[in-house]
Amino acid sequence: MTGDGQYYVEFVRNGLQHGASSWHERRLLGPLIVRALPLDPLLGFQVLTLASLTVTALLTWRATMSLLAIPLLLGTWVVAPNLREYALVDPLAWAFVAAVWLATVRQQWLLAAALAAVGVLAKEIVLLAAVAAAVAAWRTTKPWRPVAVAAPALATVVLLTLLFPGSGTDATAYVLKWVRDGLGSLGPARAVYLVFASYAALWLLLPSGWRRLPPHLQRAAAVYIAAGVALPFVGSPERMEEAIFPVLISAALAATRDWHPALVAALALGNILFVARVGGDARLPTPLAWSGLALACGLVGLSLLRDRWPFPRSAPQRLPGQPSVSAPPPP
């Protein structure tokens, strides 16, 4: 066990005392759940990780109303690295992010606010989901609603910071140190590669997919995309980009809604092979992994030329919040 996982395990074994840093101590929910389980903390975190990733996949499916969301999610950095290092709190946070996204899709703003307020107890990054939901909730007729959606999660983060101060409050020093030592040691080319590897071919579908999202989800997606640009400056690029998975999956399904399902499945399989090898250290031949990436990127590239070489098409899949293509025009 390496990385932060060992610190969370020791945090539980020490009775939730003497965390490695104030940041670790604030992420209480996962350790509390593991401590309540009748299992050794290491095994408890493994159970929590598997359960959280399962919930994340199911909620992502419900948000997109497409079973293809599950294999697409498996082909991202959200799954493979967290299965490799399974004592982190991140998977539990992603379950809350997926739940807030589902509430945002359904425009259930009070539910989104409540879920985010609890989710930041798993990890503070869930605040990003709250902000995205708040922006999605904005309407000129109800300018107060975004504040009501984001405020509970923000208040919880502030309260946790007051309860667990310490060195973790010096965010500026941390960011400067990471940019100098972390990103500086990676170099620009390596950092860009890691960002790309987090979603591989799905990045290429983001522009066209975003345009096909309903307006309130476009606003929420804009928040995630802006965060995706900034997140590598506060932590490992590939791990930080995990937080924006709802947008990448939703945009990918929107962009491929007129593809044959078998082609979407092939795209997901190509991504899975690549991410499992480079992110999960799976024992796959390196040429196979890169061939998977080439397949996925090739399918996306061909889709951009579909006017000249059209794919076999299936019936368009309607995303939540979008009108039916067969609906009669308004009078």
C-alpha atoms as a PDB file:
ATOM      1  CA  MET A   1       0.000   0.000   0.000  1.00  0.00           C
ATOM      2  CA  THR A   2       1.498   3.333  -1.090  1.00  0.00           C
ATOM      3  CA  GLY A   3       0.379   6.925  -1.372  1.00  0.00           C
ATOM      4  CA  ASP A   4      -2.465   8.391   0.656  1.00  0.00           C
ATOM      5  CA  GLY A   5      -4.127   5.002   1.095  1.00  0.00           C
ATOM      6  CA  GLN A   6      -1.739   3.995   3.872  1.00  0.00           C
ATOM      7  CA  TYR A   7      -2.552   7.176   5.779  1.00  0.00           C
ATOM      8  CA  TYR A   8      -6.296   6.558   5.671  1.00  0.00           C
ATOM      9  CA  VAL A   9      -5.800   2.992   6.901  1.00  0.00           C
ATOM     10  CA  GLU A  10      -3.664   4.211   9.815  1.00  0.00           C
ATOM     11  CA  PHE A  11      -6.219   6.962  10.506  1.00  0.00           C
ATOM     12  CA  VAL A  12      -8.911   4.320  11.028  1.00  0.00           C
ATOM     13  CA  ARG A  13      -6.630   2.054  13.080  1.00  0.00           C
ATOM     14  CA  ASN A  14      -5.813   5.009  15.329  1.00  0.00           C
ATOM     15  CA  GLY A  15      -9.504   5.583  16.084  1.00  0.00           C
ATOM     16  CA  LEU A  16      -9.792   8.569  13.707  1.00  0.00           C
ATOM     17  CA  GLN A  17      -7.022  10.360  15.581  1.00  0.00           C
ATOM     18  CA  HIS A  18      -3.706  11.794  14.386  1.00  0.00           C
ATOM     19  CA  GLY A  19      -4.426  11.988  10.649  1.00  0.00           C
ATOM     20  CA  ALA A  20      -1.518  12.531   8.298  1.00  0.00           C
ATOM     21  CA  SER A  21      -2.692  16.108   7.749  1.00  0.00           C
ATOM     22  CA  SER A  22      -5.691  18.319   8.383  1.00  0.00           C
ATOM     23  CA  TRP A  23      -6.838  17.490   4.840  1.00  0.00           C
ATOM     24  CA  HIS A  24      -7.016  13.786   5.734  1.00  0.00           C
ATOM     25  CA  GLU A  25      -8.817  14.510   9.002  1.00  0.00           C
ATOM     26  CA  ARG A  26     -11.533  16.507   7.232  1.00  0.00           C
ATOM     27  CA  ARG A  27     -12.401  13.588   4.946  1.00  0.00           C
ATOM     28  CA  LEU A  28     -14.305  11.851   7.685  1.00  0.00           C
ATOM     29  CA  LEU A  29     -17.104   9.976   5.986  1.00  0.00           C
ATOM     30  CA  GLY A  30     -15.118   7.161   4.381  1.00  0.00           C
ATOM     31  CA  PRO A  31     -13.041   6.387   7.499  1.00  0.00           C
ATOM     32  CA  LEU A  32     -16.203   6.502   9.637  1.00  0.00           C
ATOM     33  CA  ILE A  33     -17.888   3.931   7.405  1.00  0.00           C
ATOM     34  CA  VAL A  34     -14.808   1.681   7.387  1.00  0.00           C
ATOM     35  CA  ARG A  35     -14.469   1.918  11.154  1.00  0.00           C
ATOM     36  CA  ALA A  36     -18.099   0.819  11.534  1.00  0.00           C
ATOM     37  CA  LEU A  37     -17.529  -2.299   9.429  1.00  0.00           C
ATOM     38  CA  PRO A  38     -16.626  -5.564  11.231  1.00  0.00           C
ATOM     39  CA  LEU A  39     -13.528  -5.859   9.065  1.00  0.00           C
ATOM     40  CA  ASP A  40      -9.858  -5.012   9.134  1.00  0.00           C
ATOM     41  CA  PRO A  41      -9.507  -1.407   7.860  1.00  0.00           C
ATOM     42  CA  LEU A  42      -7.594  -2.512   4.753  1.00  0.00           C
ATOM     43  CA  LEU A  43     -10.343  -4.944   3.761  1.00  0.00           C
ATOM     44  CA  GLY A  44     -12.965  -2.412   4.808  1.00  0.00           C
ATOM     45  CA  PHE A  45     -11.575   0.173   2.406  1.00  0.00           C
ATOM     46  CA  GLN A  46     -11.574  -2.428  -0.349  1.00  0.00           C
ATOM     47  CA  VAL A  47     -15.263  -3.151   0.265  1.00  0.00           C
ATOM     48  CA  LEU A  48     -16.033   0.575   0.382  1.00  0.00           C
ATOM     49  CA  THR A  49     -14.162   1.169  -2.875  1.00  0.00           C
ATOM     50  CA  LEU A  50     -15.985  -1.595  -4.741  1.00  0.00           C
ATOM     51  CA  ALA A  51     -19.371  -0.505  -3.373  1.00  0.00           C
ATOM     52  CA  SER A  52     -18.710   3.159  -4.181  1.00  0.00           C
ATOM     53  CA  LEU A  53     -17.616   2.458  -7.754  1.00  0.00           C
ATOM     54  CA  THR A  54     -20.668   0.251  -8.274  1.00  0.00           C
ATOM     55  CA  VAL A  55     -22.968   3.012  -7.018  1.00  0.00           C
ATOM     56  CA  THR A  56     -21.143   5.542  -9.200  1.00  0.00           C
ATOM     57  CA  ALA A  57     -21.676   3.389 -12.295  1.00  0.00           C
ATOM     58  CA  LEU A  58     -25.365   2.822 -11.534  1.00  0.00           C
ATOM     59  CA  LEU A  59     -26.044   6.496 -10.881  1.00  0.00           C
ATOM     60  CA  THR A  60     -24.208   7.474 -14.065  1.00  0.00           C
ATOM     61  CA  TRP A  61     -26.396   5.014 -15.969  1.00  0.00           C
ATOM     62  CA  ARG A  62     -29.535   6.545 -14.458  1.00  0.00           C
ATOM     63  CA  ALA A  63     -28.343  10.074 -15.260  1.00  0.00           C
ATOM     64  CA  THR A  64     -27.785   9.232 -18.919  1.00  0.00           C
ATOM     65  CA  MET A  65     -30.523   6.587 -19.306  1.00  0.00           C
ATOM     66  CA  SER A  66     -28.060   4.481 -21.287  1.00  0.00           C
ATOM     67  CA  LEU A  67     -26.405   1.257 -20.183  1.00  0.00           C
ATOM     68  CA  LEU A  68     -23.468   2.216 -22.388  1.00  0.00           C
ATOM     69  CA  ALA A  69     -22.564   4.743 -19.710  1.00  0.00           C
ATOM     70  CA  ILE A  70     -21.198   1.895 -17.581  1.00  0.00           C
ATOM     71  CA  PRO A  71     -18.542   0.601 -20.030  1.00  0.00           C
ATOM     72  CA  LEU A  72     -17.664   4.196 -20.911  1.00  0.00           C
ATOM     73  CA  LEU A  73     -17.091   4.907 -17.214  1.00  0.00           C
ATOM     74  CA  LEU A  74     -14.968   1.763 -16.904  1.00  0.00           C
ATOM     75  CA  GLY A  75     -12.729   3.204 -19.610  1.00  0.00           C
ATOM     76  CA  THR A  76     -11.784   6.249 -17.539  1.00  0.00           C
ATOM     77  CA  TRP A  77      -9.342   6.956 -14.730  1.00  0.00           C
ATOM     78  CA  VAL A  78     -12.240   6.834 -12.249  1.00  0.00           C
ATOM     79  CA  VAL A  79     -12.142   3.029 -12.055  1.00  0.00           C
ATOM     80  CA  ALA A  80      -8.815   1.322 -12.818  1.00  0.00           C
ATOM     81  CA  PRO A  81      -6.451   3.364 -10.586  1.00  0.00           C
ATOM     82  CA  ASN A  82      -8.914   3.215  -7.683  1.00  0.00           C
ATOM     83  CA  LEU A  83      -9.074  -0.565  -7.969  1.00  0.00           C
ATOM     84  CA  ARG A  84      -5.284  -0.671  -7.891  1.00  0.00           C
ATOM     85  CA  GLU A  85      -4.978   1.596  -4.816  1.00  0.00           C
ATOM     86  CA  TYR A  86      -8.226   0.851  -3.020  1.00  0.00           C
ATOM     87  CA  ALA A  87      -7.719   2.537   0.354  1.00  0.00           C
ATOM     88  CA  LEU A  88      -8.569   6.033  -0.845  1.00  0.00           C
ATOM     89  CA  VAL A  89     -11.668   8.107  -0.125  1.00  0.00           C
ATOM     90  CA  ASP A  90     -12.014   9.223  -3.743  1.00  0.00           C
ATOM     91  CA  PRO A  91     -14.453   6.495  -4.920  1.00  0.00           C
ATOM     92  CA  LEU A  92     -16.918   7.447  -2.177  1.00  0.00           C
ATOM     93  CA  ALA A  93     -16.656  11.069  -3.287  1.00  0.00           C
ATOM     94  CA  TRP A  94     -17.332  10.045  -6.895  1.00  0.00           C
ATOM     95  CA  ALA A  95     -20.521   8.276  -5.788  1.00  0.00           C
ATOM     96  CA  PHE A  96     -21.723  11.581  -4.340  1.00  0.00           C
ATOM     97  CA  VAL A  97     -20.626  13.494  -7.442  1.00  0.00           C
ATOM     98  CA  ALA A  98     -22.639  11.066  -9.584  1.00  0.00           C
ATOM     99  CA  ALA A  99     -25.644  11.462  -7.275  1.00  0.00           C
ATOM    100  CA  VAL A 100     -25.469  15.268  -7.462  1.00  0.00           C
ATOM    101  CA  TRP A 101     -25.190  15.048 -11.256  1.00  0.00           C
ATOM    102  CA  LEU A 102     -28.293  12.842 -11.412  1.00  0.00           C
ATOM    103  CA  ALA A 103     -30.191  15.368  -9.303  1.00  0.00           C
ATOM    104  CA  THR A 104     -28.908  18.136 -11.586  1.00  0.00           C
ATOM    105  CA  VAL A 105     -30.091  16.267 -14.690  1.00  0.00           C
ATOM    106  CA  ARG A 106     -33.544  15.922 -13.115  1.00  0.00           C
ATOM    107  CA  GLN A 107     -33.457  19.525 -11.825  1.00  0.00           C
ATOM    108  CA  GLN A 108     -34.015  18.360  -8.245  1.00  0.00           C
ATOM    109  CA  TRP A 109     -32.177  21.253  -6.677  1.00  0.00           C
ATOM    110  CA  LEU A 110     -32.907  20.631  -3.002  1.00  0.00           C
ATOM    111  CA  LEU A 111     -31.749  17.038  -3.353  1.00  0.00           C
ATOM    112  CA  ALA A 112     -28.579  18.170  -5.128  1.00  0.00           C
ATOM    113  CA  ALA A 113     -27.835  20.624  -2.307  1.00  0.00           C
ATOM    114  CA  ALA A 114     -28.383  18.000   0.394  1.00  0.00           C
ATOM    115  CA  LEU A 115     -26.277  15.350  -1.339  1.00  0.00           C
ATOM    116  CA  ALA A 116     -23.393  17.756  -1.904  1.00  0.00           C
ATOM    117  CA  ALA A 117     -23.488  18.905   1.726  1.00  0.00           C
ATOM    118  CA  VAL A 118     -23.019  15.314   2.860  1.00  0.00           C
ATOM    119  CA  GLY A 119     -20.595  14.476   0.046  1.00  0.00           C
ATOM    120  CA  VAL A 120     -18.009  17.055   1.072  1.00  0.00           C
ATOM    121  CA  LEU A 121     -17.575  14.987   4.248  1.00  0.00           C
ATOM    122  CA  ALA A 122     -16.138  12.314   1.935  1.00  0.00           C
ATOM    123  CA  LYS A 123     -13.868  14.751   0.109  1.00  0.00           C
ATOM    124  CA  GLU A 124     -13.954  18.498  -0.412  1.00  0.00           C
ATOM    125  CA  ILE A 125     -13.906  18.113  -4.221  1.00  0.00           C
ATOM    126  CA  VAL A 126     -17.649  17.343  -4.079  1.00  0.00           C
ATOM    127  CA  LEU A 127     -18.054  21.095  -3.648  1.00  0.00           C
ATOM    128  CA  LEU A 128     -17.354  21.321  -7.383  1.00  0.00           C
ATOM    129  CA  ALA A 129     -20.510  19.287  -8.053  1.00  0.00           C
ATOM    130  CA  ALA A 130     -22.464  21.666  -5.823  1.00  0.00           C
ATOM    131  CA  VAL A 131     -21.198  24.709  -7.722  1.00  0.00           C
ATOM    132  CA  ALA A 132     -22.023  23.081 -11.066  1.00  0.00           C
ATOM    133  CA  ALA A 133     -25.544  22.267  -9.842  1.00  0.00           C
ATOM    134  CA  ALA A 134     -25.921  25.836  -8.606  1.00  0.00           C
ATOM    135  CA  VAL A 135     -24.973  27.268 -11.997  1.00  0.00           C
ATOM    136  CA  ALA A 136     -27.358  24.843 -13.694  1.00  0.00           C
ATOM    137  CA  ALA A 137     -30.142  25.998 -11.357  1.00  0.00           C
ATOM    138  CA  TRP A 138     -29.751  29.659 -12.317  1.00  0.00           C
ATOM    139  CA  ARG A 139     -32.736  31.465 -13.802  1.00  0.00           C
ATOM    140  CA  THR A 140     -33.357  35.160 -14.093  1.00  0.00           C
ATOM    141  CA  THR A 141     -36.705  34.709 -12.363  1.00  0.00           C
ATOM    142  CA  LYS A 142     -35.104  32.916  -9.376  1.00  0.00           C
ATOM    143  CA  PRO A 143     -31.672  34.456  -8.822  1.00  0.00           C
ATOM    144  CA  TRP A 144     -31.568  33.177  -5.224  1.00  0.00           C
ATOM    145  CA  ARG A 145     -31.715  29.503  -6.165  1.00  0.00           C
ATOM    146  CA  PRO A 146     -28.005  29.005  -7.072  1.00  0.00           C
ATOM    147  CA  VAL A 147     -27.031  30.356  -3.654  1.00  0.00           C
ATOM    148  CA  ALA A 148     -29.419  27.954  -1.948  1.00  0.00           C
ATOM    149  CA  VAL A 149     -27.973  25.001  -3.899  1.00  0.00           C
ATOM    150  CA  ALA A 150     -24.293  25.737  -3.234  1.00  0.00           C
ATOM    151  CA  ALA A 151     -24.495  27.190   0.286  1.00  0.00           C
ATOM    152  CA  PRO A 152     -24.941  23.961   2.330  1.00  0.00           C
ATOM    153  CA  ALA A 153     -21.860  22.284   0.844  1.00  0.00           C
ATOM    154  CA  LEU A 154     -19.811  25.472   1.112  1.00  0.00           C
ATOM    155  CA  ALA A 155     -20.849  25.939   4.733  1.00  0.00           C
ATOM    156  CA  THR A 156     -19.855  22.354   5.512  1.00  0.00           C
ATOM    157  CA  VAL A 157     -16.398  22.849   3.970  1.00  0.00           C
ATOM    158  CA  VAL A 158     -15.890  26.046   5.962  1.00  0.00           C
ATOM    159  CA  LEU A 159     -16.995  24.310   9.167  1.00  0.00           C
ATOM    160  CA  LEU A 160     -14.604  21.409   8.572  1.00  0.00           C
ATOM    161  CA  THR A 161     -11.770  23.877   7.978  1.00  0.00           C
ATOM    162  CA  LEU A 162     -12.522  25.558  11.303  1.00  0.00           C
ATOM    163  CA  LEU A 163     -12.753  22.249  13.154  1.00  0.00           C
ATOM    164  CA  PHE A 164      -9.581  20.829  11.597  1.00  0.00           C
ATOM    165  CA  PRO A 165      -7.248  23.786  10.932  1.00  0.00           C
ATOM    166  CA  GLY A 166      -3.526  23.109  10.780  1.00  0.00           C
ATOM    167  CA  SER A 167      -1.162  23.333   7.841  1.00  0.00           C
ATOM    168  CA  GLY A 168      -3.850  22.274   5.392  1.00  0.00           C
ATOM    169  CA  THR A 169      -5.395  25.723   5.608  1.00  0.00           C
ATOM    170  CA  ASP A 170      -2.399  27.241   3.840  1.00  0.00           C
ATOM    171  CA  ALA A 171      -3.793  26.509   0.399  1.00  0.00           C
ATOM    172  CA  THR A 172      -1.618  29.080  -1.362  1.00  0.00           C
ATOM    173  CA  ALA A 173       1.618  27.531  -0.097  1.00  0.00           C
ATOM    174  CA  TYR A 174       0.408  24.062  -1.045  1.00  0.00           C
ATOM    175  CA  VAL A 175      -0.519  25.093  -4.594  1.00  0.00           C
ATOM    176  CA  LEU A 176       2.766  26.921  -5.142  1.00  0.00           C
ATOM    177  CA  LYS A 177       4.728  23.942  -3.844  1.00  0.00           C
ATOM    178  CA  TRP A 178       2.823  21.526  -6.110  1.00  0.00           C
ATOM    179  CA  VAL A 179       3.263  23.714  -9.196  1.00  0.00           C
ATOM    180  CA  ARG A 180       6.978  24.073  -8.482  1.00  0.00           C
ATOM    181  CA  ASP A 181       7.817  20.536  -7.370  1.00  0.00           C
ATOM    182  CA  GLY A 182       4.976  18.424  -8.771  1.00  0.00           C
ATOM    183  CA  LEU A 183       4.153  19.848 -12.172  1.00  0.00           C
ATOM    184  CA  GLY A 184       7.680  21.123 -12.486  1.00  0.00           C
ATOM    185  CA  SER A 185       9.083  17.615 -12.180  1.00  0.00           C
ATOM    186  CA  LEU A 186       6.553  16.228 -14.664  1.00  0.00           C
ATOM    187  CA  GLY A 187       7.138  18.820 -17.354  1.00  0.00           C
ATOM    188  CA  PRO A 188       4.465  20.189 -19.706  1.00  0.00           C
ATOM    189  CA  ALA A 189       4.457  17.234 -22.123  1.00  0.00           C
ATOM    190  CA  ARG A 190       4.050  14.611 -19.368  1.00  0.00           C
ATOM    191  CA  ALA A 191       1.331  16.656 -17.653  1.00  0.00           C
ATOM    192  CA  VAL A 192      -0.659  16.986 -20.894  1.00  0.00           C
ATOM    193  CA  TYR A 193      -0.283  13.256 -21.539  1.00  0.00           C
ATOM    194  CA  LEU A 194      -1.616  12.401 -18.065  1.00  0.00           C
ATOM    195  CA  VAL A 195      -4.597  14.712 -18.522  1.00  0.00           C
ATOM    196  CA  PHE A 196      -5.358  13.071 -21.865  1.00  0.00           C
ATOM    197  CA  ALA A 197      -4.925   9.575 -20.435  1.00  0.00           C
ATOM    198  CA  SER A 198      -7.591  10.221 -17.788  1.00  0.00           C
ATOM    199  CA  TYR A 199     -10.354   9.974 -20.418  1.00  0.00           C
ATOM    200  CA  ALA A 200      -8.440   9.173 -23.608  1.00  0.00           C
ATOM    201  CA  ALA A 201     -10.726   9.276 -26.659  1.00  0.00           C
ATOM    202  CA  LEU A 202     -13.654  10.699 -24.679  1.00  0.00           C
ATOM    203  CA  TRP A 203     -11.938  14.088 -24.677  1.00  0.00           C
ATOM    204  CA  LEU A 204     -12.372  14.195 -28.450  1.00  0.00           C
ATOM    205  CA  LEU A 205     -16.149  13.858 -28.090  1.00  0.00           C
ATOM    206  CA  LEU A 206     -16.494  16.668 -25.568  1.00  0.00           C
ATOM    207  CA  PRO A 207     -17.048  19.639 -27.950  1.00  0.00           C
ATOM    208  CA  SER A 208     -19.807  18.031 -30.023  1.00  0.00           C
ATOM    209  CA  GLY A 209     -21.352  16.332 -27.010  1.00  0.00           C
ATOM    210  CA  TRP A 210     -21.512  19.541 -24.986  1.00  0.00           C
ATOM    211  CA  ARG A 211     -23.477  21.251 -27.762  1.00  0.00           C
ATOM    212  CA  ARG A 212     -26.105  18.484 -27.613  1.00  0.00           C
ATOM    213  CA  LEU A 213     -26.714  18.729 -23.881  1.00  0.00           C
ATOM    214  CA  PRO A 214     -29.811  20.526 -22.557  1.00  0.00           C
ATOM    215  CA  PRO A 215     -29.146  24.188 -21.621  1.00  0.00           C
ATOM    216  CA  HIS A 216     -29.038  23.657 -17.856  1.00  0.00           C
ATOM    217  CA  LEU A 217     -26.533  20.813 -18.277  1.00  0.00           C
ATOM    218  CA  GLN A 218     -24.445  22.932 -20.640  1.00  0.00           C
ATOM    219  CA  ARG A 219     -24.098  25.476 -17.840  1.00  0.00           C
ATOM    220  CA  ALA A 220     -23.149  22.780 -15.333  1.00  0.00           C
ATOM    221  CA  ALA A 221     -20.715  21.229 -17.818  1.00  0.00           C
ATOM    222  CA  ALA A 222     -19.027  24.603 -18.332  1.00  0.00           C
ATOM    223  CA  VAL A 223     -18.183  24.657 -14.615  1.00  0.00           C
ATOM    224  CA  TYR A 224     -16.686  21.167 -14.768  1.00  0.00           C
ATOM    225  CA  ILE A 225     -14.698  21.982 -17.906  1.00  0.00           C
ATOM    226  CA  ALA A 226     -13.292  25.154 -16.358  1.00  0.00           C
ATOM    227  CA  ALA A 227     -12.359  23.133 -13.280  1.00  0.00           C
ATOM    228  CA  GLY A 228     -10.729  20.527 -15.504  1.00  0.00           C
ATOM    229  CA  VAL A 229      -8.315  23.212 -16.715  1.00  0.00           C
ATOM    230  CA  ALA A 230      -7.439  24.326 -13.190  1.00  0.00           C
ATOM    231  CA  LEU A 231      -7.365  21.014 -11.290  1.00  0.00           C
ATOM    232  CA  PRO A 232      -3.931  19.827 -12.520  1.00  0.00           C
ATOM    233  CA  PHE A 233      -2.456  22.840 -10.727  1.00  0.00           C
ATOM    234  CA  VAL A 234      -3.567  21.496  -7.326  1.00  0.00           C
ATOM    235  CA  GLY A 235      -2.735  17.790  -7.630  1.00  0.00           C
ATOM    236  CA  SER A 236      -1.744  14.882  -9.854  1.00  0.00           C
ATOM    237  CA  PRO A 237      -3.269  15.747 -13.247  1.00  0.00           C
ATOM    238  CA  GLU A 238      -4.739  12.351 -14.043  1.00  0.00           C
ATOM    239  CA  ARG A 239      -6.202  11.877 -10.531  1.00  0.00           C
ATOM    240  CA  MET A 240      -7.648  15.362 -10.261  1.00  0.00           C
ATOM    241  CA  GLU A 241      -9.400  15.043 -13.622  1.00  0.00           C
ATOM    242  CA  GLU A 242     -11.451  12.160 -12.192  1.00  0.00           C
ATOM    243  CA  ALA A 243     -13.740  14.773 -10.638  1.00  0.00           C
ATOM    244  CA  ILE A 244     -15.234  15.847 -13.971  1.00  0.00           C
ATOM    245  CA  PHE A 245     -16.355  12.391 -15.114  1.00  0.00           C
ATOM    246  CA  PRO A 246     -20.120  13.182 -15.232  1.00  0.00           C
ATOM    247  CA  VAL A 247     -19.586  15.667 -18.043  1.00  0.00           C
ATOM    248  CA  LEU A 248     -17.244  13.454 -20.066  1.00  0.00           C
ATOM    249  CA  ILE A 249     -19.641  10.491 -19.919  1.00  0.00           C
ATOM    250  CA  SER A 250     -22.764  12.543 -20.628  1.00  0.00           C
ATOM    251  CA  ALA A 251     -21.095  14.418 -23.479  1.00  0.00           C
ATOM    252  CA  ALA A 252     -19.737  11.189 -24.976  1.00  0.00           C
ATOM    253  CA  LEU A 253     -23.210   9.628 -25.034  1.00  0.00           C
ATOM    254  CA  ALA A 254     -24.726  12.802 -26.444  1.00  0.00           C
ATOM    255  CA  ALA A 255     -22.094  12.922 -29.197  1.00  0.00           C
ATOM    256  CA  THR A 256     -22.600   9.253 -30.097  1.00  0.00           C
ATOM    257  CA  ARG A 257     -26.377   9.047 -29.766  1.00  0.00           C
ATOM    258  CA  ASP A 258     -26.782   8.337 -33.491  1.00  0.00           C
ATOM    259  CA  TRP A 259     -23.999   5.722 -33.560  1.00  0.00           C
ATOM    260  CA  HIS A 260     -24.789   2.046 -33.649  1.00  0.00           C
ATOM    261  CA  PRO A 261     -24.533   0.764 -30.030  1.00  0.00           C
ATOM    262  CA  ALA A 262     -21.881  -1.757 -31.070  1.00  0.00           C
ATOM    263  CA  LEU A 263     -19.602   1.086 -32.141  1.00  0.00           C
ATOM    264  CA  VAL A 264     -20.048   2.876 -28.816  1.00  0.00           C
ATOM    265  CA  ALA A 265     -19.219  -0.392 -27.057  1.00  0.00           C
ATOM    266  CA  ALA A 266     -16.097  -0.744 -29.210  1.00  0.00           C
ATOM    267  CA  LEU A 267     -15.079   2.805 -28.283  1.00  0.00           C
ATOM    268  CA  ALA A 268     -15.518   1.947 -24.604  1.00  0.00           C
ATOM    269  CA  LEU A 269     -13.528  -1.282 -24.979  1.00  0.00           C
ATOM    270  CA  GLY A 270     -10.640   0.548 -26.621  1.00  0.00           C
ATOM    271  CA  ASN A 271     -10.549   3.044 -23.772  1.00  0.00           C
ATOM    272  CA  ILE A 272     -10.778   0.254 -21.175  1.00  0.00           C
ATOM    273  CA  LEU A 273      -7.752  -1.529 -22.614  1.00  0.00           C
ATOM    274  CA  PHE A 274      -5.688   1.649 -22.630  1.00  0.00           C
ATOM    275  CA  VAL A 275      -6.666   2.970 -19.185  1.00  0.00           C
ATOM    276  CA  ALA A 276      -6.433  -0.468 -17.535  1.00  0.00           C
ATOM    277  CA  ARG A 277      -2.835  -0.748 -18.727  1.00  0.00           C
ATOM    278  CA  VAL A 278      -1.563   2.778 -18.072  1.00  0.00           C
ATOM    279  CA  GLY A 279      -3.786   3.612 -15.076  1.00  0.00           C
ATOM    280  CA  GLY A 280      -4.403   0.272 -13.409  1.00  0.00           C
ATOM    281  CA  ASP A 281      -1.115  -1.493 -14.206  1.00  0.00           C
ATOM    282  CA  ALA A 282      -3.113  -4.385 -15.654  1.00  0.00           C
ATOM    283  CA  ARG A 283      -1.028  -7.201 -17.097  1.00  0.00           C
ATOM    284  CA  LEU A 284      -1.923  -6.413 -20.665  1.00  0.00           C
ATOM    285  CA  PRO A 285       0.559  -6.235 -23.538  1.00  0.00           C
ATOM    286  CA  THR A 286       1.478  -2.633 -24.150  1.00  0.00           C
ATOM    287  CA  PRO A 287       0.785  -2.913 -27.913  1.00  0.00           C
ATOM    288  CA  LEU A 288      -2.741  -4.142 -27.102  1.00  0.00           C
ATOM    289  CA  ALA A 289      -3.377  -1.159 -24.833  1.00  0.00           C
ATOM    290  CA  TRP A 290      -2.203   1.346 -27.409  1.00  0.00           C
ATOM    291  CA  SER A 291      -4.137  -0.475 -30.122  1.00  0.00           C
ATOM    292  CA  GLY A 292      -7.234   0.007 -27.981  1.00  0.00           C
ATOM    293  CA  LEU A 293      -6.543   3.726 -27.814  1.00  0.00           C
ATOM    294  CA  ALA A 294      -5.999   3.831 -31.569  1.00  0.00           C
ATOM    295  CA  LEU A 295      -9.314   2.039 -32.117  1.00  0.00           C
ATOM    296  CA  ALA A 296     -11.195   4.455 -29.857  1.00  0.00           C
ATOM    297  CA  CYS A 297      -9.619   7.553 -31.388  1.00  0.00           C
ATOM    298  CA  GLY A 298     -10.137   6.135 -34.879  1.00  0.00           C
ATOM    299  CA  LEU A 299     -13.858   5.672 -34.261  1.00  0.00           C
ATOM    300  CA  VAL A 300     -14.147   9.249 -33.067  1.00  0.00           C
ATOM    301  CA  GLY A 301     -12.177  10.488 -36.053  1.00  0.00           C
ATOM    302  CA  LEU A 302     -14.412   8.605 -38.450  1.00  0.00           C
ATOM    303  CA  SER A 303     -17.471  10.050 -36.746  1.00  0.00           C
ATOM    304  CA  LEU A 304     -16.222  13.518 -37.609  1.00  0.00           C
ATOM    305  CA  LEU A 305     -16.304  12.452 -41.243  1.00  0.00           C
ATOM    306  CA  ARG A 306     -19.726  10.788 -41.068  1.00  0.00           C
ATOM    307  CA  ASP A 307     -21.136  13.085 -43.746  1.00  0.00           C
ATOM    308  CA  ARG A 308     -18.847  11.362 -46.242  1.00  0.00           C
ATOM    309  CA  TRP A 309     -18.634   7.909 -44.635  1.00  0.00           C
ATOM    310  CA  PRO A 310     -21.744   7.544 -42.460  1.00  0.00           C
ATOM    311  CA  PHE A 311     -21.884   4.985 -39.664  1.00  0.00           C
ATOM    312  CA  PRO A 312     -24.727   2.470 -39.421  1.00  0.00           C
ATOM    313  CA  ARG A 313     -27.291   4.336 -37.412  1.00  0.00           C
ATOM    314  CA  SER A 314     -29.657   3.279 -34.696  1.00  0.00           C
ATOM    315  CA  ALA A 315     -32.658   5.155 -33.402  1.00  0.00           C
ATOM    316  CA  PRO A 316     -31.474   8.347 -31.669  1.00  0.00           C
ATOM    317  CA  GLN A 317     -31.296   8.045 -27.898  1.00  0.00           C
ATOM    318  CA  ARG A 318     -33.042  10.882 -26.103  1.00  0.00           C
ATOM    319  CA  LEU A 319     -31.181  12.253 -23.092  1.00  0.00           C
ATOM    320  CA  PRO A 320     -33.082  13.370 -20.001  1.00  0.00           C
ATOM    321  CA  GLY A 321     -34.384  16.907 -20.486  1.00  0.00           C
ATOM    322  CA  GLN A 322     -34.305  16.781 -24.277  1.00  0.00           C
ATOM    323  CA  PRO A 323     -37.509  16.866 -26.376  1.00  0.00           C
ATOM    324  CA  SER A 324     -38.432  13.824 -28.415  1.00  0.00           C
ATOM    325  CA  VAL A 325     -37.379  13.982 -32.045  1.00  0.00           C
ATOM    326  CA  SER A 326     -40.832  12.701 -32.994  1.00  0.00           C
ATOM    327  CA  ALA A 327     -42.674  15.360 -31.026  1.00  0.00           C
ATOM    328  CA  PRO A 328     -44.816  17.688 -33.193  1.00  0.00           C
ATOM    329  CA  PRO A 329     -43.513  21.221 -33.624  1.00  0.00           C
ATOM    330  CA  PRO A 330     -45.044  23.861 -31.336  1.00  0.00           C
ATOM    331  CA  PRO A 331     -47.971  25.816 -32.843  1.00  0.00           C
END
